[in-house]
Amino acid sequence: MSQERLADAAGVTFQQIQKYERGANRVSFSRLALIASALNTPLAELIAGLDPSPRPGAPALADMMHTPGASELMEAYAAIRAENVRQCLLSLVQELARGALAREATLRQLEAGPYDDGRHEPVS
């Protein structure tokens, strides 16, 4: 595919595509999703091998993209043009994730029992 065709599909100039290729400019996630779609390539394939985990302990982006539904979620997110709507959706998903983590921690505590501080062997 020519840079001109790719640029048209991604909504940028071909010079911008050249800058992306050289690494002179960063590619936003939504733009990357458009590029993947134009190339008829799964988004995860474009980021395979990258490990941009900015937070300690955070899973690699490539690993997260293998989660069932992740690619579809990102494609749908990228299709939303309104920044405020994308921000609301991001906030919602982050809140759902926090709730899920809190529920998992509560379940672990309940399974451990009220007297288990993790430092002693259980008494039979």
PDB file of N, CA and C in Angstrom:
ATOM      1  N   MET A   1       0.851  -1.167   0.000  1.00  0.00           N
ATOM      2  CA  MET A   1       0.000   0.000   0.000  1.00  0.00           C
ATOM      3  C   MET A   1       0.900   1.234   0.000  1.00  0.00           C
ATOM      4  N   SER A   2       0.532   2.220  -0.776  1.00  0.00           N
ATOM      5  CA  SER A   2       1.328   3.443  -0.836  1.00  0.00           C
ATOM      6  C   SER A   2       1.121   4.277   0.425  1.00  0.00           C
ATOM      7  N   GLN A   3       2.073   5.139   0.698  1.00  0.00           N
ATOM      8  CA  GLN A   3       1.945   6.021   1.854  1.00  0.00           C
ATOM      9  C   GLN A   3       0.752   6.965   1.680  1.00  0.00           C
ATOM     10  N   GLU A   4       0.481   7.353   0.437  1.00  0.00           N
ATOM     11  CA  GLU A   4      -0.654   8.243   0.177  1.00  0.00           C
ATOM     12  C   GLU A   4      -1.978   7.565   0.534  1.00  0.00           C
ATOM     13  N   ARG A   5      -2.139   6.304   0.096  1.00  0.00           N
ATOM     14  CA  ARG A   5      -3.377   5.578   0.408  1.00  0.00           C
ATOM     15  C   ARG A   5      -3.530   5.344   1.899  1.00  0.00           C
ATOM     16  N   LEU A   6      -2.424   4.992   2.551  1.00  0.00           N
ATOM     17  CA  LEU A   6      -2.457   4.769   3.988  1.00  0.00           C
ATOM     18  C   LEU A   6      -2.792   6.075   4.717  1.00  0.00           C
ATOM     19  N   ALA A   7      -2.202   7.156   4.273  1.00  0.00           N
ATOM     20  CA  ALA A   7      -2.470   8.459   4.877  1.00  0.00           C
ATOM     21  C   ALA A   7      -3.947   8.833   4.734  1.00  0.00           C
ATOM     22  N   ASP A   8      -4.511   8.602   3.560  1.00  0.00           N
ATOM     23  CA  ASP A   8      -5.939   8.887   3.351  1.00  0.00           C
ATOM     24  C   ASP A   8      -6.802   8.065   4.310  1.00  0.00           C
ATOM     25  N   ALA A   9      -6.474   6.801   4.436  1.00  0.00           N
ATOM     26  CA  ALA A   9      -7.265   5.919   5.303  1.00  0.00           C
ATOM     27  C   ALA A   9      -7.124   6.311   6.773  1.00  0.00           C
ATOM     28  N   ALA A  10      -5.940   6.815   7.155  1.00  0.00           N
ATOM     29  CA  ALA A  10      -5.686   7.184   8.548  1.00  0.00           C
ATOM     30  C   ALA A  10      -6.064   8.630   8.853  1.00  0.00           C
ATOM     31  N   GLY A  11      -6.413   9.385   7.805  1.00  0.00           N
ATOM     32  CA  GLY A  11      -6.828  10.768   8.010  1.00  0.00           C
ATOM     33  C   GLY A  11      -5.688  11.733   8.272  1.00  0.00           C
ATOM     34  N   VAL A  12      -4.504  11.432   7.727  1.00  0.00           N
ATOM     35  CA  VAL A  12      -3.343  12.320   7.875  1.00  0.00           C
ATOM     36  C   VAL A  12      -2.683  12.502   6.513  1.00  0.00           C
ATOM     37  N   THR A  13      -1.656  13.332   6.459  1.00  0.00           N
ATOM     38  CA  THR A  13      -0.911  13.512   5.204  1.00  0.00           C
ATOM     39  C   THR A  13       0.123  12.404   5.058  1.00  0.00           C
ATOM     40  N   PHE A  14       0.585  12.206   3.835  1.00  0.00           N
ATOM     41  CA  PHE A  14       1.597  11.164   3.648  1.00  0.00           C
ATOM     42  C   PHE A  14       2.898  11.558   4.343  1.00  0.00           C
ATOM     43  N   GLN A  15       3.161  12.860   4.506  1.00  0.00           N
ATOM     44  CA  GLN A  15       4.352  13.296   5.243  1.00  0.00           C
ATOM     45  C   GLN A  15       4.257  12.855   6.715  1.00  0.00           C
ATOM     46  N   GLN A  16       3.039  12.894   7.249  1.00  0.00           N
ATOM     47  CA  GLN A  16       2.848  12.443   8.627  1.00  0.00           C
ATOM     48  C   GLN A  16       3.123  10.950   8.736  1.00  0.00           C
ATOM     49  N   ILE A  17       2.685  10.181   7.749  1.00  0.00           N
ATOM     50  CA  ILE A  17       2.976   8.741   7.734  1.00  0.00           C
ATOM     51  C   ILE A  17       4.483   8.521   7.710  1.00  0.00           C
ATOM     52  N   GLN A  18       5.201   9.326   6.924  1.00  0.00           N
ATOM     53  CA  GLN A  18       6.661   9.216   6.876  1.00  0.00           C
ATOM     54  C   GLN A  18       7.275   9.509   8.242  1.00  0.00           C
ATOM     55  N   LYS A  19       6.740  10.506   8.929  1.00  0.00           N
ATOM     56  CA  LYS A  19       7.246  10.841  10.264  1.00  0.00           C
ATOM     57  C   LYS A  19       6.969   9.703  11.246  1.00  0.00           C
ATOM     58  N   TYR A  20       5.797   9.076  11.119  1.00  0.00           N
ATOM     59  CA  TYR A  20       5.496   7.916  11.968  1.00  0.00           C
ATOM     60  C   TYR A  20       6.509   6.806  11.706  1.00  0.00           C
ATOM     61  N   GLU A  21       6.782   6.541  10.430  1.00  0.00           N
ATOM     62  CA  GLU A  21       7.708   5.458  10.074  1.00  0.00           C
ATOM     63  C   GLU A  21       9.111   5.714  10.598  1.00  0.00           C
ATOM     64  N   ARG A  22       9.553   6.966  10.543  1.00  0.00           N
ATOM     65  CA  ARG A  22      10.902   7.306  11.015  1.00  0.00           C
ATOM     66  C   ARG A  22      10.968   7.394  12.535  1.00  0.00           C
ATOM     67  N   GLY A  23       9.819   7.479  13.171  1.00  0.00           N
ATOM     68  CA  GLY A  23       9.796   7.636  14.613  1.00  0.00           C
ATOM     69  C   GLY A  23       9.947   9.083  15.033  1.00  0.00           C
ATOM     70  N   ALA A  24       9.816  10.007  14.095  1.00  0.00           N
ATOM     71  CA  ALA A  24       9.931  11.427  14.414  1.00  0.00           C
ATOM     72  C   ALA A  24       8.710  11.906  15.197  1.00  0.00           C
ATOM     73  N   ASN A  25       7.556  11.319  14.941  1.00  0.00           N
ATOM     74  CA  ASN A  25       6.322  11.660  15.654  1.00  0.00           C
ATOM     75  C   ASN A  25       5.730  10.393  16.256  1.00  0.00           C
ATOM     76  N   ARG A  26       5.080  10.563  17.393  1.00  0.00           N
ATOM     77  CA  ARG A  26       4.386   9.437  18.026  1.00  0.00           C
ATOM     78  C   ARG A  26       3.035   9.224  17.355  1.00  0.00           C
ATOM     79  N   VAL A  27       2.595   7.988  17.374  1.00  0.00           N
ATOM     80  CA  VAL A  27       1.299   7.633  16.806  1.00  0.00           C
ATOM     81  C   VAL A  27       0.321   7.443  17.962  1.00  0.00           C
ATOM     82  N   SER A  28      -0.793   8.179  17.939  1.00  0.00           N
ATOM     83  CA  SER A  28      -1.800   7.983  18.995  1.00  0.00           C
ATOM     84  C   SER A  28      -2.422   6.605  18.812  1.00  0.00           C
ATOM     85  N   PHE A  29      -3.007   6.102  19.898  1.00  0.00           N
ATOM     86  CA  PHE A  29      -3.602   4.773  19.823  1.00  0.00           C
ATOM     87  C   PHE A  29      -4.749   4.736  18.826  1.00  0.00           C
ATOM     88  N   SER A  30      -5.570   5.776  18.826  1.00  0.00           N
ATOM     89  CA  SER A  30      -6.703   5.787  17.900  1.00  0.00           C
ATOM     90  C   SER A  30      -6.219   5.823  16.448  1.00  0.00           C
ATOM     91  N   ARG A  31      -5.133   6.558  16.194  1.00  0.00           N
ATOM     92  CA  ARG A  31      -4.571   6.614  14.838  1.00  0.00           C
ATOM     93  C   ARG A  31      -3.976   5.258  14.475  1.00  0.00           C
ATOM     94  N   LEU A  32      -3.327   4.611  15.431  1.00  0.00           N
ATOM     95  CA  LEU A  32      -2.763   3.284  15.187  1.00  0.00           C
ATOM     96  C   LEU A  32      -3.859   2.289  14.839  1.00  0.00           C
ATOM     97  N   ALA A  33      -5.002   2.405  15.510  1.00  0.00           N
ATOM     98  CA  ALA A  33      -6.133   1.526  15.199  1.00  0.00           C
ATOM     99  C   ALA A  33      -6.628   1.772  13.780  1.00  0.00           C
ATOM    100  N   LEU A  34      -6.668   3.025  13.354  1.00  0.00           N
ATOM    101  CA  LEU A  34      -7.068   3.335  11.973  1.00  0.00           C
ATOM    102  C   LEU A  34      -6.068   2.757  10.970  1.00  0.00           C
ATOM    103  N   ILE A  35      -4.791   2.870  11.285  1.00  0.00           N
ATOM    104  CA  ILE A  35      -3.748   2.333  10.401  1.00  0.00           C
ATOM    105  C   ILE A  35      -3.876   0.815  10.313  1.00  0.00           C
ATOM    106  N   ALA A  36      -4.084   0.154  11.448  1.00  0.00           N
ATOM    107  CA  ALA A  36      -4.254  -1.306  11.449  1.00  0.00           C
ATOM    108  C   ALA A  36      -5.449  -1.698  10.595  1.00  0.00           C
ATOM    109  N   SER A  37      -6.537  -0.963  10.731  1.00  0.00           N
ATOM    110  CA  SER A  37      -7.733  -1.245   9.940  1.00  0.00           C
ATOM    111  C   SER A  37      -7.455  -1.060   8.448  1.00  0.00           C
ATOM    112  N   ALA A  38      -6.761   0.019   8.105  1.00  0.00           N
ATOM    113  CA  ALA A  38      -6.439   0.282   6.689  1.00  0.00           C
ATOM    114  C   ALA A  38      -5.551  -0.812   6.115  1.00  0.00           C
ATOM    115  N   LEU A  39      -4.677  -1.342   6.939  1.00  0.00           N
ATOM    116  CA  LEU A  39      -3.771  -2.409   6.491  1.00  0.00           C
ATOM    117  C   LEU A  39      -4.405  -3.788   6.599  1.00  0.00           C
ATOM    118  N   ASN A  40      -5.655  -3.817   7.111  1.00  0.00           N
ATOM    119  CA  ASN A  40      -6.366  -5.079   7.312  1.00  0.00           C
ATOM    120  C   ASN A  40      -5.524  -6.045   8.158  1.00  0.00           C
ATOM    121  N   THR A  41      -4.983  -5.477   9.239  1.00  0.00           N
ATOM    122  CA  THR A  41      -4.087  -6.204  10.130  1.00  0.00           C
ATOM    123  C   THR A  41      -4.582  -6.065  11.563  1.00  0.00           C
ATOM    124  N   PRO A  42      -4.545  -7.126  12.355  1.00  0.00           N
ATOM    125  CA  PRO A  42      -4.930  -6.981  13.766  1.00  0.00           C
ATOM    126  C   PRO A  42      -4.007  -5.985  14.461  1.00  0.00           C
ATOM    127  N   LEU A  43      -4.584  -5.163  15.289  1.00  0.00           N
ATOM    128  CA  LEU A  43      -3.814  -4.158  16.013  1.00  0.00           C
ATOM    129  C   LEU A  43      -2.690  -4.807  16.817  1.00  0.00           C
ATOM    130  N   ALA A  44      -2.971  -5.933  17.432  1.00  0.00           N
ATOM    131  CA  ALA A  44      -1.959  -6.623  18.239  1.00  0.00           C
ATOM    132  C   ALA A  44      -0.720  -6.972  17.415  1.00  0.00           C
ATOM    133  N   GLU A  45      -0.908  -7.242  16.127  1.00  0.00           N
ATOM    134  CA  GLU A  45       0.228  -7.575  15.275  1.00  0.00           C
ATOM    135  C   GLU A  45       1.155  -6.373  15.092  1.00  0.00           C
ATOM    136  N   LEU A  46       0.590  -5.183  15.048  1.00  0.00           N
ATOM    137  CA  LEU A  46       1.417  -3.987  14.875  1.00  0.00           C
ATOM    138  C   LEU A  46       2.252  -3.682  16.108  1.00  0.00           C
ATOM    139  N   ILE A  47       1.792  -4.116  17.260  1.00  0.00           N
ATOM    140  CA  ILE A  47       2.522  -3.801  18.487  1.00  0.00           C
ATOM    141  C   ILE A  47       3.245  -5.006  19.072  1.00  0.00           C
ATOM    142  N   ALA A  48       3.205  -6.140  18.387  1.00  0.00           N
ATOM    143  CA  ALA A  48       3.866  -7.348  18.872  1.00  0.00           C
ATOM    144  C   ALA A  48       5.342  -7.065  19.124  1.00  0.00           C
ATOM    145  N   GLY A  49       5.816  -7.521  20.250  1.00  0.00           N
ATOM    146  CA  GLY A  49       7.223  -7.357  20.582  1.00  0.00           C
ATOM    147  C   GLY A  49       7.526  -6.082  21.345  1.00  0.00           C
ATOM    148  N   LEU A  50       6.581  -5.162  21.408  1.00  0.00           N
ATOM    149  CA  LEU A  50       6.800  -3.931  22.170  1.00  0.00           C
ATOM    150  C   LEU A  50       6.437  -4.174  23.618  1.00  0.00           C
ATOM    151  N   ASP A  51       7.133  -3.540  24.507  1.00  0.00           N
ATOM    152  CA  ASP A  51       6.815  -3.644  25.923  1.00  0.00           C
ATOM    153  C   ASP A  51       6.838  -2.248  26.538  1.00  0.00           C
ATOM    154  N   PRO A  52       5.805  -1.442  26.243  1.00  0.00           N
ATOM    155  CA  PRO A  52       5.814  -0.066  26.737  1.00  0.00           C
ATOM    156  C   PRO A  52       5.177   0.095  28.109  1.00  0.00           C
ATOM    157  N   SER A  53       5.329  -0.895  28.986  1.00  0.00           N
ATOM    158  CA  SER A  53       4.687  -0.829  30.298  1.00  0.00           C
ATOM    159  C   SER A  53       5.271   0.324  31.106  1.00  0.00           C
ATOM    160  N   PRO A  54       4.530   1.422  31.240  1.00  0.00           N
ATOM    161  CA  PRO A  54       5.076   2.560  31.961  1.00  0.00           C
ATOM    162  C   PRO A  54       5.043   2.390  33.477  1.00  0.00           C
ATOM    163  N   ARG A  55       4.176   1.511  33.982  1.00  0.00           N
ATOM    164  CA  ARG A  55       4.043   1.323  35.424  1.00  0.00           C
ATOM    165  C   ARG A  55       4.655  -0.012  35.826  1.00  0.00           C
ATOM    166  N   PRO A  56       5.376  -0.026  36.938  1.00  0.00           N
ATOM    167  CA  PRO A  56       5.918  -1.303  37.415  1.00  0.00           C
ATOM    168  C   PRO A  56       4.791  -2.296  37.683  1.00  0.00           C
ATOM    169  N   GLY A  57       4.959  -3.497  37.214  1.00  0.00           N
ATOM    170  CA  GLY A  57       3.967  -4.537  37.439  1.00  0.00           C
ATOM    171  C   GLY A  57       2.819  -4.541  36.448  1.00  0.00           C
ATOM    172  N   ALA A  58       2.737  -3.528  35.578  1.00  0.00           N
ATOM    173  CA  ALA A  58       1.653  -3.483  34.598  1.00  0.00           C
ATOM    174  C   ALA A  58       1.955  -4.482  33.482  1.00  0.00           C
ATOM    175  N   PRO A  59       0.937  -5.192  33.001  1.00  0.00           N
ATOM    176  CA  PRO A  59       1.186  -6.147  31.920  1.00  0.00           C
ATOM    177  C   PRO A  59       1.560  -5.419  30.630  1.00  0.00           C
ATOM    178  N   ALA A  60       2.325  -6.070  29.783  1.00  0.00           N
ATOM    179  CA  ALA A  60       2.724  -5.499  28.504  1.00  0.00           C
ATOM    180  C   ALA A  60       1.487  -5.310  27.622  1.00  0.00           C
ATOM    181  N   LEU A  61       1.513  -4.244  26.837  1.00  0.00           N
ATOM    182  CA  LEU A  61       0.386  -3.938  25.961  1.00  0.00           C
ATOM    183  C   LEU A  61       0.102  -5.097  25.008  1.00  0.00           C
ATOM    184  N   ALA A  62       1.138  -5.707  24.466  1.00  0.00           N
ATOM    185  CA  ALA A  62       0.932  -6.827  23.546  1.00  0.00           C
ATOM    186  C   ALA A  62       0.213  -7.982  24.239  1.00  0.00           C
ATOM    187  N   ASP A  63       0.546  -8.221  25.515  1.00  0.00           N
ATOM    188  CA  ASP A  63      -0.128  -9.282  26.272  1.00  0.00           C
ATOM    189  C   ASP A  63      -1.594  -8.932  26.496  1.00  0.00           C
ATOM    190  N   MET A  64      -1.857  -7.674  26.828  1.00  0.00           N
ATOM    191  CA  MET A  64      -3.239  -7.256  27.066  1.00  0.00           C
ATOM    192  C   MET A  64      -4.079  -7.382  25.797  1.00  0.00           C
ATOM    193  N   MET A  65      -3.486  -7.149  24.650  1.00  0.00           N
ATOM    194  CA  MET A  65      -4.230  -7.204  23.392  1.00  0.00           C
ATOM    195  C   MET A  65      -4.640  -8.629  23.039  1.00  0.00           C
ATOM    196  N   HIS A  66      -4.063  -9.624  23.704  1.00  0.00           N
ATOM    197  CA  HIS A  66      -4.468 -11.013  23.472  1.00  0.00           C
ATOM    198  C   HIS A  66      -5.657 -11.418  24.337  1.00  0.00           C
ATOM    199  N   THR A  67      -6.100 -10.516  25.208  1.00  0.00           N
ATOM    200  CA  THR A  67      -7.284 -10.769  26.021  1.00  0.00           C
ATOM    201  C   THR A  67      -8.501 -10.796  25.106  1.00  0.00           C
ATOM    202  N   PRO A  68      -9.361 -11.802  25.211  1.00  0.00           N
ATOM    203  CA  PRO A  68     -10.537 -11.851  24.336  1.00  0.00           C
ATOM    204  C   PRO A  68     -11.345 -10.550  24.419  1.00  0.00           C
ATOM    205  N   GLY A  69     -11.634  -9.964  23.269  1.00  0.00           N
ATOM    206  CA  GLY A  69     -12.423  -8.745  23.177  1.00  0.00           C
ATOM    207  C   GLY A  69     -11.606  -7.467  23.210  1.00  0.00           C
ATOM    208  N   ALA A  70     -10.317  -7.544  23.556  1.00  0.00           N
ATOM    209  CA  ALA A  70      -9.494  -6.334  23.667  1.00  0.00           C
ATOM    210  C   ALA A  70      -9.382  -5.598  22.338  1.00  0.00           C
ATOM    211  N   SER A  71      -9.125  -6.329  21.288  1.00  0.00           N
ATOM    212  CA  SER A  71      -8.978  -5.695  19.971  1.00  0.00           C
ATOM    213  C   SER A  71     -10.280  -5.025  19.537  1.00  0.00           C
ATOM    214  N   GLU A  72     -11.391  -5.722  19.757  1.00  0.00           N
ATOM    215  CA  GLU A  72     -12.697  -5.150  19.379  1.00  0.00           C
ATOM    216  C   GLU A  72     -13.004  -3.904  20.213  1.00  0.00           C
ATOM    217  N   LEU A  73     -12.661  -3.958  21.494  1.00  0.00           N
ATOM    218  CA  LEU A  73     -12.878  -2.803  22.365  1.00  0.00           C
ATOM    219  C   LEU A  73     -12.064  -1.608  21.874  1.00  0.00           C
ATOM    220  N   MET A  74     -10.823  -1.840  21.517  1.00  0.00           N
ATOM    221  CA  MET A  74      -9.968  -0.745  21.064  1.00  0.00           C
ATOM    222  C   MET A  74     -10.432  -0.191  19.719  1.00  0.00           C
ATOM    223  N   GLU A  75     -10.893  -1.056  18.832  1.00  0.00           N
ATOM    224  CA  GLU A  75     -11.417  -0.577  17.546  1.00  0.00           C
ATOM    225  C   GLU A  75     -12.656   0.283  17.753  1.00  0.00           C
ATOM    226  N   ALA A  76     -13.533  -0.148  18.645  1.00  0.00           N
ATOM    227  CA  ALA A  76     -14.736   0.630  18.925  1.00  0.00           C
ATOM    228  C   ALA A  76     -14.367   1.960  19.587  1.00  0.00           C
ATOM    229  N   TYR A  77     -13.422   1.930  20.507  1.00  0.00           N
ATOM    230  CA  TYR A  77     -12.969   3.145  21.179  1.00  0.00           C
ATOM    231  C   TYR A  77     -12.389   4.129  20.160  1.00  0.00           C
ATOM    232  N   ALA A  78     -11.570   3.619  19.258  1.00  0.00           N
ATOM    233  CA  ALA A  78     -10.940   4.476  18.245  1.00  0.00           C
ATOM    234  C   ALA A  78     -11.972   5.090  17.303  1.00  0.00           C
ATOM    235  N   ALA A  79     -13.095   4.431  17.130  1.00  0.00           N
ATOM    236  CA  ALA A  79     -14.127   4.943  16.218  1.00  0.00           C
ATOM    237  C   ALA A  79     -14.915   6.098  16.831  1.00  0.00           C
ATOM    238  N   ILE A  80     -14.809   6.280  18.142  1.00  0.00           N
ATOM    239  CA  ILE A  80     -15.520   7.379  18.810  1.00  0.00           C
ATOM    240  C   ILE A  80     -14.735   8.663  18.566  1.00  0.00           C
ATOM    241  N   ARG A  81     -15.354   9.604  17.904  1.00  0.00           N
ATOM    242  CA  ARG A  81     -14.664  10.849  17.545  1.00  0.00           C
ATOM    243  C   ARG A  81     -14.665  11.890  18.668  1.00  0.00           C
ATOM    244  N   ALA A  82     -15.676  11.873  19.513  1.00  0.00           N
ATOM    245  CA  ALA A  82     -15.796  12.897  20.556  1.00  0.00           C
ATOM    246  C   ALA A  82     -14.852  12.588  21.717  1.00  0.00           C
ATOM    247  N   GLU A  83     -13.919  13.477  21.977  1.00  0.00           N
ATOM    248  CA  GLU A  83     -12.942  13.294  23.041  1.00  0.00           C
ATOM    249  C   GLU A  83     -13.609  13.118  24.401  1.00  0.00           C
ATOM    250  N   ASN A  84     -14.655  13.895  24.666  1.00  0.00           N
ATOM    251  CA  ASN A  84     -15.316  13.798  25.967  1.00  0.00           C
ATOM    252  C   ASN A  84     -16.009  12.444  26.144  1.00  0.00           C
ATOM    253  N   VAL A  85     -16.524  11.884  25.068  1.00  0.00           N
ATOM    254  CA  VAL A  85     -17.159  10.562  25.145  1.00  0.00           C
ATOM    255  C   VAL A  85     -16.093   9.494  25.394  1.00  0.00           C
ATOM    256  N   ARG A  86     -14.952   9.602  24.695  1.00  0.00           N
ATOM    257  CA  ARG A  86     -13.855   8.650  24.925  1.00  0.00           C
ATOM    258  C   ARG A  86     -13.386   8.727  26.380  1.00  0.00           C
ATOM    259  N   GLN A  87     -13.293   9.948  26.922  1.00  0.00           N
ATOM    260  CA  GLN A  87     -12.838  10.122  28.298  1.00  0.00           C
ATOM    261  C   GLN A  87     -13.826   9.501  29.280  1.00  0.00           C
ATOM    262  N   CYS A  88     -15.117   9.682  29.018  1.00  0.00           N
ATOM    263  CA  CYS A  88     -16.139   9.059  29.880  1.00  0.00           C
ATOM    264  C   CYS A  88     -16.046   7.539  29.822  1.00  0.00           C
ATOM    265  N   LEU A  89     -15.862   7.000  28.640  1.00  0.00           N
ATOM    266  CA  LEU A  89     -15.743   5.555  28.486  1.00  0.00           C
ATOM    267  C   LEU A  89     -14.510   5.040  29.223  1.00  0.00           C
ATOM    268  N   LEU A  90     -13.403   5.741  29.098  1.00  0.00           N
ATOM    269  CA  LEU A  90     -12.182   5.353  29.795  1.00  0.00           C
ATOM    270  C   LEU A  90     -12.404   5.354  31.305  1.00  0.00           C
ATOM    271  N   SER A  91     -13.048   6.391  31.814  1.00  0.00           N
ATOM    272  CA  SER A  91     -13.338   6.463  33.248  1.00  0.00           C
ATOM    273  C   SER A  91     -14.216   5.303  33.705  1.00  0.00           C
ATOM    274  N   LEU A  92     -15.215   4.975  32.900  1.00  0.00           N
ATOM    275  CA  LEU A  92     -16.107   3.858  33.225  1.00  0.00           C
ATOM    276  C   LEU A  92     -15.336   2.548  33.300  1.00  0.00           C
ATOM    277  N   VAL A  93     -14.511   2.279  32.309  1.00  0.00           N
ATOM    278  CA  VAL A  93     -13.754   1.026  32.269  1.00  0.00           C
ATOM    279  C   VAL A  93     -12.767   0.969  33.437  1.00  0.00           C
ATOM    280  N   GLN A  94     -12.126   2.088  33.747  1.00  0.00           N
ATOM    281  CA  GLN A  94     -11.197   2.101  34.879  1.00  0.00           C
ATOM    282  C   GLN A  94     -11.928   1.833  36.187  1.00  0.00           C
ATOM    283  N   GLU A  95     -13.103   2.396  36.350  1.00  0.00           N
ATOM    284  CA  GLU A  95     -13.894   2.175  37.568  1.00  0.00           C
ATOM    285  C   GLU A  95     -14.332   0.711  37.669  1.00  0.00           C
ATOM    286  N   LEU A  96     -14.741   0.120  36.555  1.00  0.00           N
ATOM    287  CA  LEU A  96     -15.118  -1.297  36.552  1.00  0.00           C
ATOM    288  C   LEU A  96     -13.927  -2.166  36.941  1.00  0.00           C
ATOM    289  N   ALA A  97     -12.750  -1.820  36.431  1.00  0.00           N
ATOM    290  CA  ALA A  97     -11.545  -2.588  36.758  1.00  0.00           C
ATOM    291  C   ALA A  97     -11.205  -2.460  38.238  1.00  0.00           C
ATOM    292  N   ARG A  98     -11.315  -1.248  38.790  1.00  0.00           N
ATOM    293  CA  ARG A  98     -11.046  -1.066  40.224  1.00  0.00           C
ATOM    294  C   ARG A  98     -12.019  -1.896  41.055  1.00  0.00           C
ATOM    295  N   GLY A  99     -13.279  -1.913  40.659  1.00  0.00           N
ATOM    296  CA  GLY A  99     -14.271  -2.710  41.380  1.00  0.00           C
ATOM    297  C   GLY A  99     -13.954  -4.185  41.330  1.00  0.00           C
ATOM    298  N   ALA A 100     -13.530  -4.659  40.173  1.00  0.00           N
ATOM    299  CA  ALA A 100     -13.184  -6.076  40.029  1.00  0.00           C
ATOM    300  C   ALA A 100     -11.984  -6.422  40.904  1.00  0.00           C
ATOM    301  N   LEU A 101     -10.983  -5.564  40.942  1.00  0.00           N
ATOM    302  CA  LEU A 101      -9.810  -5.817  41.777  1.00  0.00           C
ATOM    303  C   LEU A 101     -10.178  -5.815  43.254  1.00  0.00           C
ATOM    304  N   ALA A 102     -11.042  -4.896  43.654  1.00  0.00           N
ATOM    305  CA  ALA A 102     -11.473  -4.840  45.059  1.00  0.00           C
ATOM    306  C   ALA A 102     -12.246  -6.099  45.436  1.00  0.00           C
ATOM    307  N   ARG A 103     -13.124  -6.576  44.540  1.00  0.00           N
ATOM    308  CA  ARG A 103     -13.875  -7.807  44.822  1.00  0.00           C
ATOM    309  C   ARG A 103     -12.938  -8.998  44.950  1.00  0.00           C
ATOM    310  N   GLU A 104     -11.922  -9.077  44.078  1.00  0.00           N
ATOM    311  CA  GLU A 104     -10.961 -10.183  44.154  1.00  0.00           C
ATOM    312  C   GLU A 104     -10.202 -10.151  45.474  1.00  0.00           C
ATOM    313  N   ALA A 105      -9.798  -8.963  45.923  1.00  0.00           N
ATOM    314  CA  ALA A 105      -9.064  -8.842  47.190  1.00  0.00           C
ATOM    315  C   ALA A 105      -9.951  -9.261  48.357  1.00  0.00           C
ATOM    316  N   THR A 106     -11.217  -8.863  48.327  1.00  0.00           N
ATOM    317  CA  THR A 106     -12.155  -9.246  49.386  1.00  0.00           C
ATOM    318  C   THR A 106     -12.342 -10.754  49.416  1.00  0.00           C
ATOM    319  N   LEU A 107     -12.493 -11.370  48.255  1.00  0.00           N
ATOM    320  CA  LEU A 107     -12.654 -12.825  48.203  1.00  0.00           C
ATOM    321  C   LEU A 107     -11.426 -13.542  48.746  1.00  0.00           C
ATOM    322  N   ARG A 108     -10.237 -13.042  48.428  1.00  0.00           N
ATOM    323  CA  ARG A 108      -9.008 -13.655  48.949  1.00  0.00           C
ATOM    324  C   ARG A 108      -8.977 -13.567  50.470  1.00  0.00           C
ATOM    325  N   GLN A 109      -9.397 -12.424  51.019  1.00  0.00           N
ATOM    326  CA  GLN A 109      -9.420 -12.271  52.473  1.00  0.00           C
ATOM    327  C   GLN A 109     -10.421 -13.224  53.114  1.00  0.00           C
ATOM    328  N   LEU A 110     -11.591 -13.353  52.495  1.00  0.00           N
ATOM    329  CA  LEU A 110     -12.604 -14.254  53.036  1.00  0.00           C
ATOM    330  C   LEU A 110     -12.153 -15.703  52.980  1.00  0.00           C
ATOM    331  N   GLU A 111     -11.484 -16.072  51.901  1.00  0.00           N
ATOM    332  CA  GLU A 111     -11.001 -17.450  51.771  1.00  0.00           C
ATOM    333  C   GLU A 111      -9.903 -17.744  52.785  1.00  0.00           C
ATOM    334  N   ALA A 112      -9.105 -16.729  53.117  1.00  0.00           N
ATOM    335  CA  ALA A 112      -8.005 -16.925  54.062  1.00  0.00           C
ATOM    336  C   ALA A 112      -8.517 -17.105  55.480  1.00  0.00           C
ATOM    337  N   GLY A 113      -9.660 -16.552  55.789  1.00  0.00           N
ATOM    338  CA  GLY A 113     -10.210 -16.662  57.133  1.00  0.00           C
ATOM    339  C   GLY A 113      -9.828 -15.470  57.985  1.00  0.00           C
ATOM    340  N   PRO A 114     -10.554 -15.268  59.081  1.00  0.00           N
ATOM    341  CA  PRO A 114     -10.348 -14.073  59.895  1.00  0.00           C
ATOM    342  C   PRO A 114      -9.050 -14.058  60.693  1.00  0.00           C
ATOM    343  N   TYR A 115      -8.431 -15.237  60.927  1.00  0.00           N
ATOM    344  CA  TYR A 115      -7.243 -15.280  61.772  1.00  0.00           C
ATOM    345  C   TYR A 115      -5.973 -15.562  60.988  1.00  0.00           C
ATOM    346  N   ASP A 116      -6.064 -15.576  59.688  1.00  0.00           N
ATOM    347  CA  ASP A 116      -4.903 -15.902  58.863  1.00  0.00           C
ATOM    348  C   ASP A 116      -4.190 -14.620  58.448  1.00  0.00           C
ATOM    349  N   ASP A 117      -3.033 -14.375  59.056  1.00  0.00           N
ATOM    350  CA  ASP A 117      -2.270 -13.185  58.676  1.00  0.00           C
ATOM    351  C   ASP A 117      -1.189 -13.536  57.660  1.00  0.00           C
ATOM    352  N   GLY A 118      -1.153 -14.784  57.188  1.00  0.00           N
ATOM    353  CA  GLY A 118      -0.214 -15.208  56.184  1.00  0.00           C
ATOM    354  C   GLY A 118       1.160 -15.553  56.722  1.00  0.00           C
ATOM    355  N   ARG A 119       1.368 -15.443  58.039  1.00  0.00           N
ATOM    356  CA  ARG A 119       2.686 -15.684  58.619  1.00  0.00           C
ATOM    357  C   ARG A 119       2.791 -17.008  59.358  1.00  0.00           C
ATOM    358  N   HIS A 120       1.657 -17.688  59.552  1.00  0.00           N
ATOM    359  CA  HIS A 120       1.668 -18.917  60.332  1.00  0.00           C
ATOM    360  C   HIS A 120       1.050 -20.056  59.552  1.00  0.00           C
ATOM    361  N   GLU A 121       1.468 -21.249  59.912  1.00  0.00           N
ATOM    362  CA  GLU A 121       0.899 -22.442  59.302  1.00  0.00           C
ATOM    363  C   GLU A 121      -0.480 -22.698  59.915  1.00  0.00           C
ATOM    364  N   PRO A 122      -1.454 -23.165  59.129  1.00  0.00           N
ATOM    365  CA  PRO A 122      -2.763 -23.480  59.695  1.00  0.00           C
ATOM    366  C   PRO A 122      -2.649 -24.636  60.673  1.00  0.00           C
ATOM    367  N   VAL A 123      -3.471 -24.611  61.719  1.00  0.00           N
ATOM    368  CA  VAL A 123      -3.494 -25.664  62.727  1.00  0.00           C
ATOM    369  C   VAL A 123      -4.543 -26.671  62.316  1.00  0.00           C
ATOM    370  N   SER A 124      -4.164 -27.971  62.331  1.00  0.00           N
ATOM    371  CA  SER A 124      -5.118 -29.010  61.946  1.00  0.00           C
ATOM    372  C   SER A 124      -5.847 -29.526  63.123  1.00  0.00           C
TER     373      SER A 124
END
